[in-house]
Every structure is written in C-alpha cells, then in structure tokens.
Amino acid sequence: MTAARPLVVAISGRPNAGKSTLFNRLLRRKKAIVHDSPGVTRDENRAELEREGRTIELVDTGGIEEEPLRGSLGRRVHDRTYAVLEQADVIVHLLDGQGGLSPADEAVARRLRTLGKPVVFAVNKIDQAKHEGRLVDFAALGADELLGVSAAHGRGLGELWDRVAELGGEAASSDPDDPARAFEPDAEGGPLGDESGHGDRLEPSGPPRVALIGRPNVGKSSLLNRLVGYDRAIVDSTPGTTRDALDVTIEHDGRSYLVVDTAGLRRPSKITEDIESYAASSSLRALARTEVAVLVLDATIGVTDQDMRLADLAWRRGRGLVIAVNKVDLAPQLAAQQCHDEIAARLPQWPPLPLVRVSALEGTGTKRLFEALDLVVAGYRRRIATPRLNEVVHAAVEAQPPALVRNKPVKVRYATQVRRAPQEMTLFVNRGGDLAESYQRYLRHILREEFELIGVPLRLRIRPSRKDDRPAPPPMDGKRGKRTRGVARGRGSR
C-alpha cells in the first residue's frame, strides 16, 4: 500500500509579517532565520512534521507583493514564491496585526484567490486578548474567517492547525488528549529547539546527509539545482543570495540523498551584517547534522585561505569530505589537478580526498560526484568486525613496530571500533606505553587502505590495557627496603 503523500502547507505574507517566526513555531525548532529586516527569506524553506497521523510538509516562502521588487533577485524571489503557492494544498496567509491593513495587503489577497487554493487568513502579532480588536481592520479582505495568532508566543495556533486540517481534507481533532496535540505550542508557546532537534537527529542507516559548503558565489545553489533537476534554489550573482539552509531530497539511481545547500561562509572579520552572521550560524548548524561535506571550489579562482579553513572546519567536526571543483567549463583542464595538489601540499597530514571536476552550468561531473559521495558515506558508516580489525592492526605492528618508550617496547594488545559515523577506534597498549603521532598516522593509513575509509576522519584513542591498568607500586626506600609513604621528608624533618 502506497503511503499518502504529505499535505503541503505554504506560509505566505508580505515582508515582515512574521512568516519565518510562524514556520519555526509550528515546526517547534529554529530552522528559518528570523530578523527584523524585510526580505530575509528568499528561497522556500521546507520541513516535515507528523500531525494527527498525517505527514505535513511545511513551506516558508519569501515575502510577496502585488508586483516584484526591483532587480533580478527581487523578481526571482517573487516568481519562486508564487510557483510554490501554486503547488501547495493549503495556503496560510499571514498579515501584520501591528501594521494594519494596507492597499498592498488587499492586492495580494486578490492575487491569492486567483490561484484557486484554500487560503487561511491569519492576523499575526495578536499577542494578548486585548489585541483581538485589531482583527476588525482586516474585515475588508472579505475572508470567510480571520484567525488571530501570535507566532512569537504561540497564541491561537491550535485553532490555526484545526482550520488547516479542515481545508486539507483532514478531520480536526477535538480530543485534548490526542497525542497529535503534542505538536501544538501551549498558551505560552513553549520552548523552541534548535536545528539539531529530534527531527534532524543523525541516523547512520537513513539517507545520506550531505552539506554543500563553500565561499559565496562559488556555485553551490547552481550545483544543487543541477543535482535536483530543477530550479530549487534561487541563483543570482548577488553575493549572499542564499541565507537559510535548504534541505532537499534527491533521488539518484534508486537511492535517496538529503542535500543541504548552505549560505556562503566568509571570514568572521568580513561579516558586517547581522543577517549574514545569522546565515553563517545556520550553515554551521546544518553542517553539524550532516555526514559528508562537499566543499565547492571555484576553478577560475583556485584554492583560497577561506577554502582551507572550511575544509579544516568540516574535518575537525568529524565530517567526511569531498572536494567539488566547479566552473571547470570556464577554466583550463589543469585547474582541478592544481586544486588537488595545493590542498595536498597545504594539508600534508590529511589523507587524499576525493576530488571531482564539475560544471553546474553544463551538468558535467555530477555522476562522478554521486559516486564519490557513495564511497565516502560507505566508509563513514562502515562497521568493522573486531577480529578482523585486530588482525590488521597486529600485522601492521609486526611489519613496523613502534619506537621504544623508556627503552621498553610498546605492545598493542587489543583494538576495537568504539564508534562509527564518524569512525573512532581505541587501541589498548601495555602500561606506560605510548604511540607517537607519526606512528598513529602510519596506523591510520593502513586502516584506511584496508577498510576503504576514503575521505573519512579516523580518530585513534590510546589507552592502557586492563591487565596493565593497575597503579604502579610506590617506590622502594633504598636504606630500609621499605616502601615510602606520602611525601619524602626533607633534611632536618622529624
């Protein structure tokens, strides 16, 4: 039996009506960037939740006006928003209760009615009961029902959910003990989680989670659109076009991938606007809930210091890493190899990373990119049998024993995989033993080759073995042959 498709609920409204705040409140976590400046949201921001036994896909859209704002970016946002609304099952149109009704609100409402979609008109910023008188101002819209809500405080959202369920063909639950009510904020709204909430908990067995990271204007959104097969993200030459981290599910050769397009990351000293700072924070949170980062480079520029910082950031956070050199159609054939050589020279302690030449414009290299992702994800999630791991480690130690410590040999007694996604292994050595960092690099190299851990961080922990974990006996007193106790006495002490 085929599962019912999600009910698509799109949130629309003019700039600063509170759409992203409502989106976060209904989702019960902070996924969309919220700021006082108008036009913060540009791409649609999508997320799913379960309510009353039905999957709901919630969509936060860009601000809409009767006519698009000036400039190519404003028109793209405008056109994209209406395209999303045309595909929605239910539209929740949000109005600014503090600003009052304007001619622009009436024009947008008339435009929405032409779409032929059920629309819920909700007046936002009705934070207290005494504010409900503001609803009268919006009666001129001719809506069958106006709902007063407070996205900031969670007021009136239960009624909003019931109205959405009714228009979406679902029976609204009137049972206050219904478990689905757990998805509703209480009268005070309840706390909002962050983007690493339960809904985004990493499951190594689920679809691979991939983050596209890189500097502004390297072509991350263009690459996402190429991988998806349609214009999912708004692309513009304006730096910082992408702000919210966009989650998109992609199907390729029968396999699903969750790909997250992030905002371009610049050096903190270069960030001067609050919105860019919030976008950078959203990108870092998105990176924390993915398994593999695809660092997108610009072949016409090469590797920059910021590119190296981003690669190091992803690696230190335990993410697999793939390098995608974009815009190769505009650069010499040697550009990708030069990027590979420069990364290897500047990060000699790292293992070789998968590097793919791509052109988001022409579509070349995308098949190889998916192949590289599959290779890295497989290594990232690989479970290694303990007997086989010990066989490989002991063979490596026998082939090249570690250096002596205090003129005593170091014995690796046992090895075990303590974690995967990312990979972490513990080596138990004899008491007092230690393994130099150079020798640990040697072992990591052997383990990566044997178990195909390509582009995957591998952490080794060195611990004394249990049989050698007893504390050393206190030193012997040379004169009396007795063990000393406490601190040695100084000259003249009694």
Protein backbone atom coordinates (compact mmCIF):
# COMPACT_ATOMS: atom_id res chain seq x y z
CA MET A 1 0.00 0.00 0.00
CA THR A 2 1.44 3.36 -1.03
CA ALA A 3 1.79 5.89 1.79
CA ALA A 4 -0.26 9.06 1.47
CA ARG A 5 1.73 11.97 0.14
CA PRO A 6 2.44 14.83 2.57
CA LEU A 7 -0.07 17.65 2.92
CA VAL A 8 1.79 20.70 1.62
CA VAL A 9 1.08 23.80 3.71
CA ALA A 10 2.70 27.01 2.45
CA ILE A 11 3.05 30.14 4.59
CA SER A 12 2.77 33.35 2.61
CA GLY A 13 2.69 37.01 3.52
CA ARG A 14 4.21 40.38 2.84
CA PRO A 15 7.70 41.16 4.17
CA ASN A 16 7.98 41.28 7.98
CA ALA A 17 4.59 39.71 8.61
CA GLY A 18 6.29 37.04 10.74
CA LYS A 19 6.28 34.08 8.32
CA SER A 20 9.60 32.61 9.44
CA THR A 21 8.67 33.03 13.10
CA LEU A 22 5.43 31.13 12.47
CA PHE A 23 7.32 28.48 10.49
CA ASN A 24 9.71 27.89 13.40
CA ARG A 25 6.85 27.88 15.91
CA LEU A 26 4.78 25.30 14.02
CA LEU A 27 7.87 23.19 13.45
CA ARG A 28 8.88 23.53 17.11
CA ARG A 29 12.50 24.27 16.28
CA LYS A 30 14.51 27.18 14.91
CA LYS A 31 15.16 26.30 11.29
CA ALA A 32 14.44 29.55 9.45
CA ILE A 33 16.42 32.75 10.02
CA VAL A 34 14.36 35.45 11.74
CA HIS A 35 15.37 39.11 11.53
CA ASP A 36 13.65 42.49 11.60
CA SER A 37 14.91 43.39 8.13
CA PRO A 38 12.38 42.77 5.32
CA GLY A 39 13.15 40.16 2.66
CA VAL A 40 15.33 37.87 4.80
CA THR A 41 13.75 34.70 3.37
CA ARG A 42 14.42 34.22 -0.34
CA ASP A 43 14.33 30.51 -1.15
CA GLU A 44 11.46 28.45 0.16
CA ASN A 45 12.39 26.64 3.37
CA ARG A 46 10.81 23.19 3.72
CA ALA A 47 10.45 20.78 6.63
CA GLU A 48 8.19 17.88 7.54
CA LEU A 49 6.33 17.03 10.73
CA GLU A 50 3.73 14.46 11.78
CA ARG A 51 0.31 15.57 12.95
CA GLU A 52 -2.83 13.53 13.54
CA GLY A 53 -1.40 10.59 11.62
CA ARG A 54 -0.62 12.70 8.55
CA THR A 55 2.74 13.93 7.30
CA ILE A 56 2.71 17.68 6.72
CA GLU A 57 5.30 19.45 4.59
CA LEU A 58 5.56 22.99 5.89
CA VAL A 59 6.95 25.61 3.50
CA ASP A 60 8.21 29.06 4.44
CA THR A 61 8.21 31.36 1.41
CA GLY A 62 9.73 34.71 0.54
CA GLY A 63 7.75 37.88 1.12
CA ILE A 64 5.24 38.65 -1.63
CA GLU A 65 3.96 41.91 -3.01
CA GLU A 66 1.48 42.79 -5.74
CA GLU A 67 4.46 43.47 -8.02
CA PRO A 68 8.00 42.11 -7.60
CA LEU A 69 10.70 44.29 -6.13
CA ARG A 70 13.12 45.97 -8.48
CA GLY A 71 16.10 43.97 -9.69
CA SER A 72 16.55 40.44 -10.99
CA LEU A 73 16.85 38.94 -7.49
CA GLY A 74 13.55 40.50 -6.36
CA ARG A 75 11.76 39.12 -9.42
CA ARG A 76 13.22 35.66 -8.88
CA VAL A 77 12.03 35.63 -5.26
CA HIS A 78 8.58 36.87 -6.33
CA ASP A 79 8.20 34.31 -9.12
CA ARG A 80 9.50 31.47 -6.99
CA THR A 81 7.10 32.28 -4.16
CA TYR A 82 4.03 32.19 -6.40
CA ALA A 83 5.26 28.98 -8.04
CA VAL A 84 5.41 27.36 -4.60
CA LEU A 85 1.95 28.65 -3.67
CA GLU A 86 0.50 27.17 -6.85
CA GLN A 87 1.75 23.73 -5.76
CA ALA A 88 0.51 23.95 -2.17
CA ASP A 89 -2.55 22.14 -0.84
CA VAL A 90 -3.33 24.84 1.74
CA ILE A 91 -2.01 28.40 2.00
CA VAL A 92 -1.67 30.12 5.35
CA HIS A 93 -1.54 33.82 4.50
CA LEU A 94 -0.10 35.87 7.35
CA LEU A 95 -0.98 39.53 7.92
CA ASP A 96 0.75 42.04 10.17
CA GLY A 97 -1.63 42.86 13.02
CA GLN A 98 0.54 45.73 14.21
CA GLY A 99 0.88 47.40 10.82
CA GLY A 100 -2.82 47.21 9.99
CA LEU A 101 -4.46 46.62 6.61
CA SER A 102 -2.88 48.31 3.60
CA PRO A 103 -3.88 48.53 -0.09
CA ALA A 104 -0.95 46.19 -0.82
CA ASP A 105 -2.50 43.57 1.51
CA GLU A 106 -5.79 43.76 -0.38
CA ALA A 107 -4.00 43.45 -3.74
CA VAL A 108 -2.06 40.38 -2.60
CA ALA A 109 -5.25 38.78 -1.20
CA ARG A 110 -6.98 39.23 -4.56
CA ARG A 111 -3.98 37.63 -6.29
CA LEU A 112 -4.07 34.66 -3.93
CA ARG A 113 -7.72 33.98 -4.70
CA THR A 114 -6.89 33.61 -8.38
CA LEU A 115 -4.73 30.59 -7.54
CA GLY A 116 -7.81 28.54 -6.66
CA LYS A 117 -6.25 27.19 -3.45
CA PRO A 118 -7.84 27.09 0.02
CA VAL A 119 -6.42 30.02 2.00
CA VAL A 120 -6.37 30.55 5.76
CA PHE A 121 -6.11 34.27 6.57
CA ALA A 122 -4.27 34.67 9.89
CA VAL A 123 -3.57 38.03 11.53
CA ASN A 124 -0.26 37.80 13.36
CA LYS A 125 1.07 39.70 16.39
CA ILE A 126 -2.16 39.31 18.36
CA ASP A 127 -0.06 38.69 21.45
CA GLN A 128 -2.77 39.36 24.04
CA ALA A 129 -6.56 39.18 24.26
CA LYS A 130 -6.80 42.96 24.21
CA HIS A 131 -5.21 42.96 20.73
CA GLU A 132 -8.07 41.00 19.16
CA GLY A 133 -9.78 44.26 18.24
CA ARG A 134 -7.18 44.61 15.50
CA LEU A 135 -8.94 41.88 13.52
CA VAL A 136 -11.69 44.36 12.61
CA ASP A 137 -9.20 46.29 10.49
CA PHE A 138 -8.81 43.27 8.18
CA ALA A 139 -12.52 42.59 7.61
CA ALA A 140 -12.28 44.44 4.29
CA LEU A 141 -10.40 41.44 2.87
CA GLY A 142 -13.71 39.60 2.67
CA ALA A 143 -12.30 36.42 4.21
CA ASP A 144 -14.79 33.85 5.49
CA GLU A 145 -12.84 33.66 8.74
CA LEU A 146 -9.98 35.64 10.24
CA LEU A 147 -7.79 33.94 12.83
CA GLY A 148 -5.83 35.93 15.38
CA VAL A 149 -2.46 34.35 16.17
CA SER A 150 0.85 35.17 17.80
CA ALA A 151 3.75 33.39 16.15
CA ALA A 152 6.11 34.79 18.77
CA HIS A 153 4.12 33.45 21.74
CA GLY A 154 2.23 30.52 20.23
CA ARG A 155 -1.21 32.02 20.79
CA GLY A 156 -4.08 30.76 18.63
CA LEU A 157 -2.09 28.11 16.81
CA GLY A 158 -4.33 25.25 17.87
CA GLU A 159 -7.23 26.87 16.04
CA LEU A 160 -4.94 27.51 13.07
CA TRP A 161 -3.99 23.82 12.90
CA ASP A 162 -7.66 22.80 13.04
CA ARG A 163 -8.52 25.13 10.17
CA VAL A 164 -5.61 23.80 8.08
CA ALA A 165 -6.71 20.22 8.77
CA GLU A 166 -10.29 21.06 7.75
CA LEU A 167 -9.24 22.68 4.48
CA GLY A 168 -6.74 19.93 3.83
CA GLY A 169 -9.43 17.27 3.93
CA GLU A 170 -8.48 16.01 7.37
CA ALA A 171 -10.88 15.85 10.33
CA ALA A 172 -9.75 18.27 13.01
CA SER A 173 -9.22 16.50 16.33
CA SER A 174 -11.32 17.82 19.20
CA ASP A 175 -9.82 15.45 21.79
CA PRO A 176 -7.46 17.46 24.04
CA ASP A 177 -5.68 14.22 24.95
CA ASP A 178 -4.94 13.40 21.33
CA PRO A 179 -1.17 12.66 21.07
CA ALA A 180 -1.07 14.83 17.97
CA ARG A 181 -1.68 17.82 20.24
CA ALA A 182 1.90 17.42 21.40
CA PHE A 183 2.83 19.23 18.21
CA GLU A 184 0.92 22.32 19.28
CA PRO A 185 2.56 25.06 21.35
CA ASP A 186 0.84 25.73 24.65
CA ALA A 187 -0.60 29.11 25.61
CA GLU A 188 2.89 30.45 26.23
CA GLY A 189 4.25 28.88 23.07
CA GLY A 190 6.69 26.51 24.78
CA PRO A 191 10.41 26.44 24.13
CA LEU A 192 11.71 26.20 20.63
CA GLY A 193 14.54 23.77 19.97
CA ASP A 194 17.44 24.45 17.65
CA GLU A 195 18.14 23.00 14.24
CA SER A 196 19.70 19.89 15.74
CA GLY A 197 16.38 18.87 17.33
CA HIS A 198 14.86 15.42 17.33
CA GLY A 199 13.56 15.76 13.79
CA ASP A 200 17.10 16.14 12.48
CA ARG A 201 18.81 13.52 14.63
CA LEU A 202 21.51 11.80 12.62
CA GLU A 203 20.75 8.16 11.79
CA PRO A 204 23.64 6.33 10.09
CA SER A 205 21.15 3.96 8.44
CA GLY A 206 18.97 6.68 6.87
CA PRO A 207 19.50 8.54 3.61
CA PRO A 208 22.99 10.06 3.38
CA ARG A 209 23.04 13.64 4.63
CA VAL A 210 25.21 15.91 2.53
CA ALA A 211 26.06 19.60 3.05
CA LEU A 212 27.22 21.87 0.23
CA ILE A 213 29.67 24.33 1.77
CA GLY A 214 31.92 26.99 0.33
CA ARG A 215 32.57 30.67 -0.08
CA PRO A 216 29.90 32.99 -1.54
CA ASN A 217 29.34 32.75 -5.30
CA VAL A 218 31.24 29.52 -5.93
CA GLY A 219 28.08 27.95 -7.37
CA LYS A 220 26.60 25.90 -4.51
CA SER A 221 22.98 26.75 -5.34
CA SER A 222 23.57 26.20 -9.05
CA LEU A 223 25.08 22.80 -8.26
CA LEU A 224 22.09 21.95 -6.06
CA ASN A 225 19.68 22.85 -8.87
CA ARG A 226 21.66 20.69 -11.27
CA LEU A 227 21.56 17.71 -8.88
CA VAL A 228 17.83 18.15 -8.21
CA GLY A 229 16.96 18.63 -11.87
CA TYR A 230 15.02 21.88 -11.48
CA ASP A 231 15.47 25.37 -10.01
CA ARG A 232 15.02 24.54 -6.32
CA ALA A 233 17.31 27.32 -5.07
CA ILE A 234 17.31 30.90 -6.28
CA VAL A 235 20.51 31.68 -8.14
CA ASP A 236 21.76 35.23 -8.57
CA SER A 237 25.12 36.94 -8.96
CA THR A 238 24.43 38.92 -5.80
CA PRO A 239 26.70 37.61 -3.01
CA GLY A 240 24.78 36.13 -0.09
CA THR A 241 21.68 35.22 -2.09
CA THR A 242 21.23 32.01 -0.10
CA ARG A 243 20.53 32.63 3.60
CA ASP A 244 18.54 29.76 5.07
CA ALA A 245 19.99 26.26 4.94
CA LEU A 246 17.82 24.46 2.36
CA ASP A 247 17.09 20.74 2.78
CA VAL A 248 16.32 18.92 -0.47
CA THR A 249 15.76 15.20 -1.00
CA ILE A 250 17.35 13.97 -4.23
CA GLU A 251 16.81 10.61 -5.93
CA HIS A 252 19.70 9.19 -7.94
CA ASP A 253 19.91 5.63 -9.30
CA GLY A 254 17.26 4.44 -6.87
CA ARG A 255 18.91 5.95 -3.80
CA SER A 256 17.80 8.96 -1.76
CA TYR A 257 20.11 11.72 -0.55
CA LEU A 258 19.29 14.64 1.73
CA VAL A 259 21.32 17.56 0.38
CA VAL A 260 21.60 20.81 2.33
CA ASP A 261 22.54 23.99 0.48
CA THR A 262 24.16 26.42 2.91
CA ALA A 263 24.91 30.13 2.83
CA GLY A 264 28.34 31.16 1.64
CA LEU A 265 30.79 31.39 4.54
CA ARG A 266 33.28 34.23 4.73
CA ARG A 267 35.88 35.01 7.34
CA PRO A 268 34.23 36.32 10.55
CA SER A 269 36.16 39.59 10.21
CA LYS A 270 34.48 40.16 6.83
CA ILE A 271 30.94 39.74 8.18
CA THR A 272 29.42 43.14 8.89
CA GLU A 273 25.66 42.48 8.78
CA ASP A 274 23.57 40.64 11.37
CA ILE A 275 21.70 38.69 8.69
CA GLU A 276 24.93 37.29 7.26
CA SER A 277 26.01 36.33 10.75
CA TYR A 278 22.71 34.50 11.31
CA ALA A 279 23.06 32.80 7.92
CA ALA A 280 26.58 31.65 8.84
CA SER A 281 25.29 30.23 12.12
CA SER A 282 22.52 28.40 10.25
CA SER A 283 25.13 26.92 7.89
CA LEU A 284 27.24 25.67 10.78
CA ARG A 285 24.21 24.07 12.44
CA ALA A 286 23.36 22.39 9.14
CA LEU A 287 26.91 21.05 8.90
CA ALA A 288 26.55 19.54 12.38
CA ARG A 289 23.62 17.36 11.28
CA THR A 290 25.17 16.02 8.09
CA GLU A 291 27.61 13.19 7.42
CA VAL A 292 29.54 14.43 4.42
CA ALA A 293 30.50 17.95 3.39
CA VAL A 294 31.04 18.79 -0.27
CA LEU A 295 33.46 21.70 -0.37
CA VAL A 296 32.68 23.59 -3.58
CA LEU A 297 35.65 25.44 -5.10
CA ASP A 298 35.72 27.92 -7.97
CA ALA A 299 38.03 26.58 -10.69
CA THR A 300 38.58 30.10 -12.04
CA ILE A 301 40.00 31.23 -8.69
CA GLY A 302 41.59 28.12 -7.21
CA VAL A 303 42.08 27.32 -3.53
CA THR A 304 41.89 30.26 -1.12
CA ASP A 305 42.69 30.53 2.58
CA GLN A 306 38.96 30.54 3.37
CA ASP A 307 38.51 27.31 1.42
CA MET A 308 41.18 25.70 3.57
CA ARG A 309 39.52 26.98 6.75
CA LEU A 310 36.19 25.48 5.69
CA ALA A 311 37.80 22.14 4.85
CA ASP A 312 39.54 22.10 8.22
CA LEU A 313 36.28 23.06 9.98
CA ALA A 314 34.37 20.15 8.41
CA TRP A 315 37.22 17.73 9.13
CA ARG A 316 37.61 18.78 12.77
CA ARG A 317 33.86 18.35 13.26
CA GLY A 318 34.16 14.75 12.12
CA ARG A 319 32.51 15.08 8.71
CA GLY A 320 33.50 13.18 5.61
CA LEU A 321 34.81 15.44 2.88
CA VAL A 322 34.53 15.58 -0.91
CA ILE A 323 36.08 18.36 -2.99
CA ALA A 324 33.99 19.57 -5.95
CA VAL A 325 35.84 21.94 -8.29
CA ASN A 326 33.04 23.86 -10.02
CA LYS A 327 33.09 26.03 -13.16
CA VAL A 328 35.62 23.79 -14.92
CA ASP A 329 33.94 24.82 -18.18
CA LEU A 330 35.47 28.27 -17.62
CA ALA A 331 38.91 27.12 -16.50
CA PRO A 332 41.86 25.22 -18.01
CA GLN A 333 41.91 21.44 -17.77
CA LEU A 334 44.68 21.57 -15.19
CA ALA A 335 42.64 23.70 -12.76
CA ALA A 336 41.19 20.74 -10.84
CA GLN A 337 44.56 19.00 -10.55
CA GLN A 338 46.14 22.22 -9.34
CA CYS A 339 43.46 22.47 -6.63
CA HIS A 340 44.15 18.87 -5.62
CA ASP A 341 47.90 19.42 -5.45
CA GLU A 342 47.56 22.64 -3.45
CA ILE A 343 45.27 21.03 -0.86
CA ALA A 344 47.65 18.09 -0.51
CA ALA A 345 50.61 20.46 -0.08
CA ARG A 346 48.90 22.69 2.47
CA LEU A 347 47.37 19.82 4.48
CA PRO A 348 50.02 17.08 4.30
CA GLN A 349 48.67 15.42 7.46
CA TRP A 350 45.37 14.63 5.73
CA PRO A 351 44.74 11.53 3.62
CA PRO A 352 43.92 12.01 -0.08
CA LEU A 353 40.41 13.38 -0.52
CA PRO A 354 38.02 12.53 -3.37
CA LEU A 355 38.11 15.39 -5.88
CA VAL A 356 35.58 15.77 -8.68
CA ARG A 357 35.54 18.18 -11.60
CA VAL A 358 32.01 19.53 -12.11
CA SER A 359 30.19 22.18 -14.07
CA ALA A 360 26.85 23.17 -12.57
CA LEU A 361 26.14 25.13 -15.76
CA GLU A 362 26.73 22.26 -18.19
CA GLY A 363 25.93 19.36 -15.85
CA THR A 364 29.24 17.55 -16.29
CA GLY A 365 30.72 15.55 -13.42
CA THR A 366 27.52 15.03 -11.42
CA LYS A 367 27.61 11.23 -11.85
CA ARG A 368 31.15 11.12 -10.50
CA LEU A 369 30.08 13.35 -7.63
CA PHE A 370 27.41 10.85 -6.55
CA GLU A 371 29.96 8.03 -6.86
CA ALA A 372 32.35 9.93 -4.59
CA LEU A 373 29.54 10.55 -2.08
CA ASP A 374 28.63 6.85 -2.02
CA LEU A 375 32.26 5.92 -1.42
CA VAL A 376 32.69 8.37 1.47
CA VAL A 377 29.32 7.58 3.09
CA ALA A 378 30.03 3.84 2.95
CA GLY A 379 33.33 4.36 4.76
CA TYR A 380 31.78 6.81 7.19
CA ARG A 381 29.15 4.26 8.25
CA ARG A 382 31.24 1.08 7.96
CA ARG A 383 31.04 -1.34 10.87
CA ILE A 384 34.29 -3.25 11.31
CA ALA A 385 34.44 -6.69 12.90
CA THR A 386 36.73 -6.74 15.95
CA PRO A 387 38.66 -9.91 14.96
CA ARG A 388 39.43 -8.50 11.52
CA LEU A 389 40.44 -5.14 12.99
CA ASN A 390 42.89 -6.81 15.39
CA GLU A 391 44.29 -8.93 12.59
CA VAL A 392 45.07 -5.81 10.53
CA VAL A 393 46.49 -3.84 13.49
CA HIS A 394 48.74 -6.68 14.67
CA ALA A 395 50.02 -7.25 11.13
CA ALA A 396 50.85 -3.56 10.82
CA VAL A 397 52.63 -3.53 14.18
CA GLU A 398 54.62 -6.63 13.25
CA ALA A 399 55.63 -5.10 9.93
CA GLN A 400 56.73 -1.85 11.57
CA PRO A 401 56.97 -1.92 15.38
CA PRO A 402 56.54 1.36 17.29
CA ALA A 403 59.50 3.13 18.81
CA LEU A 404 60.68 2.20 22.29
CA VAL A 405 59.43 4.22 25.23
CA ARG A 406 61.95 4.50 28.10
CA ASN A 407 63.88 1.67 26.42
CA LYS A 408 60.85 -0.62 26.64
CA PRO A 409 58.83 -1.96 23.70
CA VAL A 410 55.26 -0.76 23.24
CA LYS A 411 52.81 -3.60 22.73
CA VAL A 412 49.42 -3.08 21.13
CA ARG A 413 47.37 -5.72 22.89
CA TYR A 414 43.88 -5.09 21.52
CA ALA A 415 41.91 -2.86 19.14
CA THR A 416 38.19 -2.17 18.89
CA GLN A 417 35.87 0.11 16.94
CA VAL A 418 34.05 2.21 19.53
CA ARG A 419 32.13 4.41 17.12
CA ARG A 420 31.18 4.87 13.51
CA ALA A 421 29.79 7.95 11.77
CA PRO A 422 32.45 9.22 12.28
CA GLN A 423 34.99 6.44 12.73
CA GLU A 424 36.73 6.10 16.09
CA MET A 425 38.89 3.22 17.33
CA THR A 426 40.61 2.51 20.63
CA LEU A 427 43.99 0.80 20.88
CA PHE A 428 44.91 -0.79 24.21
CA VAL A 429 48.65 -0.80 24.86
CA ASN A 430 50.86 -2.01 27.69
CA ARG A 431 51.24 0.18 30.77
CA GLY A 432 53.39 3.20 30.28
CA GLY A 433 53.33 2.70 26.55
CA ASP A 434 52.59 5.47 24.11
CA LEU A 435 52.30 5.79 20.37
CA ALA A 436 53.87 8.78 18.68
CA GLU A 437 51.66 10.84 16.39
CA SER A 438 53.78 9.77 13.40
CA TYR A 439 53.11 6.12 14.25
CA GLN A 440 49.39 6.82 14.65
CA ARG A 441 49.40 8.34 11.16
CA TYR A 442 51.01 5.13 9.92
CA LEU A 443 48.26 3.03 11.52
CA ARG A 444 45.51 5.31 10.20
CA HIS A 445 46.97 4.95 6.71
CA ILE A 446 46.92 1.15 6.99
CA LEU A 447 43.35 1.11 8.36
CA ARG A 448 42.07 3.46 5.66
CA GLU A 449 43.54 1.33 2.91
CA GLU A 450 42.32 -1.96 4.36
CA PHE A 451 38.75 -0.85 5.16
CA GLU A 452 38.31 1.74 2.37
CA LEU A 453 37.82 4.68 4.70
CA ILE A 454 38.20 7.23 1.89
CA GLY A 455 37.69 10.90 2.77
CA VAL A 456 36.67 9.92 6.31
CA PRO A 457 38.14 11.29 9.57
CA LEU A 458 39.56 8.46 11.67
CA ARG A 459 40.30 9.06 15.32
CA LEU A 460 42.54 6.76 17.36
CA ARG A 461 42.42 6.69 21.15
CA ILE A 462 45.34 5.14 23.04
CA ARG A 463 44.56 3.56 26.40
CA PRO A 464 46.40 1.20 28.78
CA SER A 465 45.12 -2.35 28.60
CA ARG A 466 43.09 -3.65 31.51
CA LYS A 467 45.72 -6.11 32.64
CA ASP A 468 48.21 -3.22 32.84
CA ASP A 469 45.76 -0.75 34.30
CA ARG A 470 46.79 -1.39 37.92
CA PRO A 471 48.51 1.59 39.58
CA ALA A 472 52.29 1.33 39.87
CA PRO A 473 53.57 0.41 43.37
CA PRO A 474 55.19 3.18 45.42
CA PRO A 475 59.00 3.42 45.11
CA MET A 476 61.27 1.47 47.49
CA ASP A 477 63.26 3.26 50.19
CA GLY A 478 66.91 2.47 49.37
CA LYS A 479 68.12 2.26 53.02
CA ARG A 480 65.45 0.26 54.80
CA GLY A 481 63.97 -1.65 51.89
CA LYS A 482 60.52 -0.37 52.83
CA ARG A 483 58.01 1.43 50.69
CA THR A 484 57.83 5.13 51.40
CA ARG A 485 54.55 6.73 52.27
CA GLY A 486 53.36 10.19 51.37
CA VAL A 487 55.81 12.94 50.51
CA ALA A 488 59.53 12.32 51.00
CA ARG A 489 60.85 14.11 54.08
CA GLY A 490 63.31 16.90 53.66
CA ARG A 491 66.57 17.32 55.52
CA GLY A 492 66.05 18.19 59.23
CA SER A 493 62.42 16.98 59.38
CA ARG A 494 61.30 14.60 62.10
